[in-house]
Amino acid sequence: MKKLRDRSVLLWGTVLYFLSFAVISFHNTPIVLIISMLIATIGELMHIPVKQTLLANMIPDHARGVYLSLYGLMAIGGSALAGLFFSGVGSFHPMSLLDSCYCQGFRWLGSMVG
């Protein structure tokens, strides 16, 4: 990976990640789902480290902790809102907000412990 430029690794990792989840959305064959998830994992492993490095290099040294913590908070908040809105597609369930909060709480707890 070190031989490839950051921009191309970021681009190809994102493309693999996106296309794999597109395949997962339209297929229900177990082997296709497993292969697509493996490809999505490879794409994620390609683009996340490059994205985090680029983000860390853009931020001034004295404010790096604040920026990166807000970036992580926005990612978790976006996941919570996506879970809230997509769990109620077609109808609103009062428990969807609670489910979303539980899922994000466990995710936050796991990130603090691990």
N, C-alpha and C. Protein backbone atom coordinates (compact mmCIF):
# COMPACT_ATOMS: atom_id res chain seq x y z
N MET A 1 0.81 -1.20 0.00
CA MET A 1 0.00 0.00 0.00
C MET A 1 0.85 1.26 0.00
N LYS A 2 2.05 1.18 0.57
CA LYS A 2 2.87 2.39 0.66
C LYS A 2 3.30 2.90 -0.71
N LYS A 3 3.35 2.03 -1.69
CA LYS A 3 3.76 2.45 -3.02
C LYS A 3 2.67 3.26 -3.73
N LEU A 4 1.43 3.03 -3.34
CA LEU A 4 0.32 3.74 -3.99
C LEU A 4 0.13 5.11 -3.34
N ARG A 5 -0.30 6.05 -4.14
CA ARG A 5 -0.58 7.39 -3.62
C ARG A 5 -1.83 7.36 -2.75
N ASP A 6 -1.85 8.26 -1.77
CA ASP A 6 -2.98 8.32 -0.85
C ASP A 6 -4.30 8.56 -1.56
N ARG A 7 -4.27 9.39 -2.56
CA ARG A 7 -5.51 9.73 -3.26
C ARG A 7 -6.10 8.52 -3.98
N SER A 8 -5.26 7.72 -4.63
CA SER A 8 -5.78 6.55 -5.34
C SER A 8 -6.25 5.48 -4.36
N VAL A 9 -5.55 5.31 -3.23
CA VAL A 9 -6.00 4.34 -2.21
C VAL A 9 -7.34 4.78 -1.63
N LEU A 10 -7.48 6.07 -1.35
CA LEU A 10 -8.74 6.59 -0.83
C LEU A 10 -9.88 6.38 -1.83
N LEU A 11 -9.61 6.69 -3.08
CA LEU A 11 -10.63 6.55 -4.12
C LEU A 11 -11.04 5.09 -4.31
N TRP A 12 -10.07 4.19 -4.48
CA TRP A 12 -10.40 2.79 -4.74
C TRP A 12 -11.01 2.12 -3.52
N GLY A 13 -10.56 2.49 -2.34
CA GLY A 13 -11.18 1.94 -1.13
C GLY A 13 -12.63 2.34 -1.01
N THR A 14 -12.92 3.61 -1.32
CA THR A 14 -14.30 4.10 -1.26
C THR A 14 -15.16 3.42 -2.32
N VAL A 15 -14.62 3.24 -3.50
CA VAL A 15 -15.37 2.57 -4.59
C VAL A 15 -15.69 1.13 -4.20
N LEU A 16 -14.69 0.40 -3.68
CA LEU A 16 -14.93 -0.98 -3.25
C LEU A 16 -15.99 -1.04 -2.15
N TYR A 17 -15.88 -0.15 -1.20
CA TYR A 17 -16.83 -0.09 -0.08
C TYR A 17 -18.25 0.18 -0.59
N PHE A 18 -18.39 1.18 -1.45
CA PHE A 18 -19.70 1.55 -1.99
C PHE A 18 -20.30 0.43 -2.83
N LEU A 19 -19.53 -0.10 -3.76
CA LEU A 19 -20.06 -1.14 -4.65
C LEU A 19 -20.43 -2.41 -3.90
N SER A 20 -19.65 -2.76 -2.90
CA SER A 20 -19.96 -3.96 -2.12
C SER A 20 -21.27 -3.81 -1.37
N PHE A 21 -21.50 -2.65 -0.78
CA PHE A 21 -22.78 -2.45 -0.09
C PHE A 21 -23.94 -2.32 -1.07
N ALA A 22 -23.68 -1.86 -2.28
CA ALA A 22 -24.73 -1.85 -3.30
C ALA A 22 -25.11 -3.28 -3.67
N VAL A 23 -24.13 -4.16 -3.78
CA VAL A 23 -24.41 -5.57 -4.08
C VAL A 23 -25.17 -6.20 -2.92
N ILE A 24 -24.78 -5.90 -1.70
CA ILE A 24 -25.46 -6.45 -0.52
C ILE A 24 -26.93 -6.01 -0.49
N SER A 25 -27.21 -4.82 -0.98
CA SER A 25 -28.57 -4.31 -0.96
C SER A 25 -29.51 -5.05 -1.90
N PHE A 26 -28.94 -5.66 -2.95
CA PHE A 26 -29.80 -6.25 -3.97
C PHE A 26 -29.73 -7.77 -4.06
N HIS A 27 -28.91 -8.41 -3.28
CA HIS A 27 -28.79 -9.87 -3.34
C HIS A 27 -29.13 -10.48 -2.00
N ASN A 28 -29.59 -11.73 -2.06
CA ASN A 28 -29.87 -12.44 -0.81
C ASN A 28 -29.25 -13.83 -0.79
N THR A 29 -28.34 -14.10 -1.72
CA THR A 29 -27.63 -15.37 -1.74
C THR A 29 -26.49 -15.32 -0.72
N PRO A 30 -26.40 -16.28 0.16
CA PRO A 30 -25.40 -16.20 1.24
C PRO A 30 -23.96 -16.04 0.74
N ILE A 31 -23.56 -16.76 -0.29
CA ILE A 31 -22.18 -16.67 -0.75
C ILE A 31 -21.89 -15.28 -1.34
N VAL A 32 -22.85 -14.71 -2.04
CA VAL A 32 -22.68 -13.36 -2.59
C VAL A 32 -22.57 -12.35 -1.45
N LEU A 33 -23.38 -12.51 -0.42
CA LEU A 33 -23.33 -11.60 0.73
C LEU A 33 -21.99 -11.70 1.46
N ILE A 34 -21.48 -12.92 1.62
CA ILE A 34 -20.21 -13.10 2.31
C ILE A 34 -19.07 -12.48 1.51
N ILE A 35 -19.03 -12.74 0.21
CA ILE A 35 -17.97 -12.19 -0.64
C ILE A 35 -18.06 -10.67 -0.68
N SER A 36 -19.27 -10.14 -0.80
CA SER A 36 -19.44 -8.68 -0.82
C SER A 36 -19.00 -8.05 0.50
N MET A 37 -19.29 -8.70 1.60
CA MET A 37 -18.87 -8.16 2.90
C MET A 37 -17.36 -8.20 3.04
N LEU A 38 -16.72 -9.23 2.52
CA LEU A 38 -15.25 -9.29 2.54
C LEU A 38 -14.65 -8.16 1.71
N ILE A 39 -15.24 -7.91 0.54
CA ILE A 39 -14.75 -6.82 -0.31
C ILE A 39 -15.01 -5.47 0.36
N ALA A 40 -16.16 -5.31 1.02
CA ALA A 40 -16.44 -4.06 1.74
C ALA A 40 -15.43 -3.85 2.87
N THR A 41 -15.05 -4.93 3.53
CA THR A 41 -14.05 -4.83 4.60
C THR A 41 -12.70 -4.39 4.05
N ILE A 42 -12.31 -4.95 2.91
CA ILE A 42 -11.05 -4.54 2.27
C ILE A 42 -11.11 -3.06 1.89
N GLY A 43 -12.24 -2.63 1.32
CA GLY A 43 -12.40 -1.22 0.97
C GLY A 43 -12.33 -0.32 2.17
N GLU A 44 -12.96 -0.75 3.26
CA GLU A 44 -12.92 0.06 4.47
C GLU A 44 -11.51 0.13 5.04
N LEU A 45 -10.81 -1.00 5.02
CA LEU A 45 -9.43 -1.01 5.51
C LEU A 45 -8.50 -0.18 4.64
N MET A 46 -8.89 0.04 3.40
CA MET A 46 -8.10 0.89 2.52
C MET A 46 -8.37 2.37 2.77
N HIS A 47 -9.62 2.76 2.89
CA HIS A 47 -9.91 4.19 2.90
C HIS A 47 -9.94 4.84 4.28
N ILE A 48 -10.25 4.11 5.33
CA ILE A 48 -10.33 4.72 6.67
C ILE A 48 -8.97 5.23 7.15
N PRO A 49 -7.89 4.45 7.08
CA PRO A 49 -6.60 5.00 7.56
C PRO A 49 -6.13 6.21 6.77
N VAL A 50 -6.33 6.20 5.47
CA VAL A 50 -5.92 7.35 4.65
C VAL A 50 -6.76 8.58 5.01
N LYS A 51 -8.06 8.37 5.19
CA LYS A 51 -8.94 9.48 5.55
C LYS A 51 -8.55 10.07 6.91
N GLN A 52 -8.27 9.22 7.87
CA GLN A 52 -7.89 9.71 9.20
C GLN A 52 -6.54 10.44 9.16
N THR A 53 -5.60 9.94 8.37
CA THR A 53 -4.30 10.59 8.25
C THR A 53 -4.43 11.95 7.59
N LEU A 54 -5.19 12.02 6.51
CA LEU A 54 -5.40 13.31 5.84
C LEU A 54 -6.08 14.31 6.77
N LEU A 55 -7.05 13.85 7.52
CA LEU A 55 -7.74 14.72 8.46
C LEU A 55 -6.79 15.21 9.55
N ALA A 56 -5.99 14.32 10.10
CA ALA A 56 -5.05 14.70 11.16
C ALA A 56 -4.00 15.68 10.65
N ASN A 57 -3.58 15.53 9.40
CA ASN A 57 -2.56 16.44 8.84
C ASN A 57 -3.12 17.82 8.52
N MET A 58 -4.42 17.94 8.30
CA MET A 58 -5.03 19.24 7.99
C MET A 58 -5.23 20.11 9.23
N ILE A 59 -5.34 19.48 10.39
CA ILE A 59 -5.69 20.18 11.62
C ILE A 59 -4.44 20.78 12.26
N PRO A 60 -4.54 22.00 12.79
CA PRO A 60 -3.41 22.57 13.53
C PRO A 60 -3.08 21.72 14.77
N ASP A 61 -1.81 21.65 15.11
CA ASP A 61 -1.37 20.79 16.21
C ASP A 61 -2.05 21.10 17.54
N HIS A 62 -2.27 22.36 17.84
CA HIS A 62 -2.82 22.73 19.14
C HIS A 62 -4.30 22.37 19.29
N ALA A 63 -4.99 22.09 18.19
CA ALA A 63 -6.42 21.81 18.27
C ALA A 63 -6.78 20.42 17.74
N ARG A 64 -5.80 19.56 17.59
CA ARG A 64 -6.03 18.24 16.98
C ARG A 64 -7.02 17.40 17.77
N GLY A 65 -6.92 17.37 19.08
CA GLY A 65 -7.82 16.57 19.90
C GLY A 65 -9.27 17.01 19.79
N VAL A 66 -9.48 18.31 19.79
CA VAL A 66 -10.84 18.85 19.70
C VAL A 66 -11.46 18.50 18.35
N TYR A 67 -10.71 18.73 17.28
CA TYR A 67 -11.24 18.46 15.94
C TYR A 67 -11.54 16.98 15.75
N LEU A 68 -10.63 16.12 16.14
CA LEU A 68 -10.84 14.69 15.93
C LEU A 68 -11.97 14.14 16.81
N SER A 69 -12.13 14.67 18.02
CA SER A 69 -13.24 14.21 18.85
C SER A 69 -14.58 14.67 18.27
N LEU A 70 -14.65 15.88 17.75
CA LEU A 70 -15.88 16.35 17.12
C LEU A 70 -16.19 15.57 15.85
N TYR A 71 -15.15 15.22 15.11
CA TYR A 71 -15.33 14.40 13.90
C TYR A 71 -15.92 13.04 14.28
N GLY A 72 -15.39 12.42 15.32
CA GLY A 72 -15.93 11.13 15.77
C GLY A 72 -17.35 11.25 16.29
N LEU A 73 -17.63 12.34 16.98
CA LEU A 73 -18.99 12.57 17.49
C LEU A 73 -19.98 12.76 16.33
N MET A 74 -19.56 13.45 15.30
CA MET A 74 -20.44 13.63 14.13
C MET A 74 -20.70 12.30 13.43
N ALA A 75 -19.70 11.45 13.35
CA ALA A 75 -19.89 10.14 12.72
C ALA A 75 -20.88 9.29 13.52
N ILE A 76 -20.76 9.30 14.84
CA ILE A 76 -21.68 8.53 15.67
C ILE A 76 -23.09 9.13 15.61
N GLY A 77 -23.17 10.47 15.64
CA GLY A 77 -24.47 11.12 15.52
C GLY A 77 -25.14 10.84 14.20
N GLY A 78 -24.36 10.82 13.13
CA GLY A 78 -24.91 10.50 11.81
C GLY A 78 -25.44 9.08 11.76
N SER A 79 -24.73 8.15 12.39
CA SER A 79 -25.21 6.77 12.44
C SER A 79 -26.50 6.65 13.23
N ALA A 80 -26.58 7.40 14.33
CA ALA A 80 -27.79 7.36 15.15
C ALA A 80 -28.98 7.92 14.38
N LEU A 81 -28.78 9.03 13.69
CA LEU A 81 -29.88 9.62 12.92
C LEU A 81 -30.28 8.73 11.75
N ALA A 82 -29.30 8.11 11.11
CA ALA A 82 -29.63 7.21 10.00
C ALA A 82 -30.44 6.03 10.50
N GLY A 83 -30.06 5.47 11.64
CA GLY A 83 -30.82 4.38 12.22
C GLY A 83 -32.23 4.80 12.60
N LEU A 84 -32.34 6.01 13.09
CA LEU A 84 -33.66 6.52 13.47
C LEU A 84 -34.55 6.69 12.26
N PHE A 85 -34.03 7.30 11.19
CA PHE A 85 -34.85 7.58 10.03
C PHE A 85 -35.13 6.33 9.19
N PHE A 86 -34.15 5.45 9.04
CA PHE A 86 -34.36 4.29 8.18
C PHE A 86 -35.09 3.16 8.88
N SER A 87 -35.12 3.15 10.20
CA SER A 87 -35.89 2.11 10.88
C SER A 87 -37.38 2.40 10.77
N GLY A 88 -37.74 3.64 10.52
CA GLY A 88 -39.14 4.00 10.44
C GLY A 88 -39.61 4.29 9.03
N VAL A 89 -38.92 3.77 8.02
CA VAL A 89 -39.35 4.00 6.64
C VAL A 89 -40.71 3.37 6.44
N GLY A 90 -41.66 4.15 6.02
CA GLY A 90 -43.01 3.65 5.81
C GLY A 90 -43.92 3.88 6.99
N SER A 91 -43.36 3.85 8.19
CA SER A 91 -44.15 4.13 9.38
C SER A 91 -43.19 4.53 10.50
N PHE A 92 -43.69 5.28 11.45
CA PHE A 92 -42.86 5.70 12.57
C PHE A 92 -43.14 4.79 13.76
N HIS A 93 -42.10 4.25 14.34
CA HIS A 93 -42.22 3.42 15.53
C HIS A 93 -41.64 4.20 16.71
N PRO A 94 -42.39 4.37 17.77
CA PRO A 94 -41.88 5.13 18.92
C PRO A 94 -40.62 4.51 19.51
N MET A 95 -40.44 3.22 19.35
CA MET A 95 -39.28 2.55 19.92
C MET A 95 -38.03 2.74 19.06
N SER A 96 -38.16 3.29 17.85
CA SER A 96 -36.99 3.40 16.97
C SER A 96 -35.96 4.36 17.55
N LEU A 97 -36.40 5.43 18.20
CA LEU A 97 -35.45 6.35 18.83
C LEU A 97 -34.72 5.66 19.98
N LEU A 98 -35.47 4.91 20.77
CA LEU A 98 -34.87 4.19 21.88
C LEU A 98 -33.88 3.13 21.37
N ASP A 99 -34.26 2.40 20.33
CA ASP A 99 -33.36 1.40 19.74
C ASP A 99 -32.09 2.05 19.24
N SER A 100 -32.22 3.18 18.58
CA SER A 100 -31.07 3.90 18.06
C SER A 100 -30.15 4.34 19.19
N CYS A 101 -30.75 4.83 20.28
CA CYS A 101 -29.94 5.26 21.42
C CYS A 101 -29.22 4.08 22.06
N TYR A 102 -29.90 2.94 22.19
CA TYR A 102 -29.24 1.76 22.75
C TYR A 102 -28.07 1.33 21.88
N CYS A 103 -28.30 1.26 20.56
CA CYS A 103 -27.23 0.83 19.65
C CYS A 103 -26.04 1.77 19.73
N GLN A 104 -26.28 3.06 19.73
CA GLN A 104 -25.18 4.01 19.79
C GLN A 104 -24.51 3.99 21.16
N GLY A 105 -25.28 3.73 22.19
CA GLY A 105 -24.70 3.63 23.53
C GLY A 105 -23.74 2.46 23.63
N PHE A 106 -24.14 1.30 23.07
CA PHE A 106 -23.26 0.15 23.09
C PHE A 106 -22.03 0.39 22.21
N ARG A 107 -22.22 1.07 21.10
CA ARG A 107 -21.09 1.38 20.23
C ARG A 107 -20.11 2.32 20.95
N TRP A 108 -20.63 3.32 21.66
CA TRP A 108 -19.79 4.25 22.40
C TRP A 108 -19.06 3.52 23.53
N LEU A 109 -19.79 2.65 24.23
CA LEU A 109 -19.19 1.91 25.33
C LEU A 109 -18.08 1.00 24.82
N GLY A 110 -18.31 0.37 23.69
CA GLY A 110 -17.28 -0.49 23.09
C GLY A 110 -16.05 0.29 22.68
N SER A 111 -16.23 1.49 22.19
CA SER A 111 -15.07 2.30 21.79
C SER A 111 -14.29 2.78 23.01
N MET A 112 -14.98 2.97 24.13
CA MET A 112 -14.30 3.41 25.35
C MET A 112 -13.52 2.26 25.99
N VAL A 113 -14.09 1.05 25.92
CA VAL A 113 -13.45 -0.10 26.55
C VAL A 113 -12.32 -0.63 25.69
N GLY A 114 -12.58 -0.73 24.37
CA GLY A 114 -11.63 -1.35 23.45
C GLY A 114 -10.63 -0.46 22.96
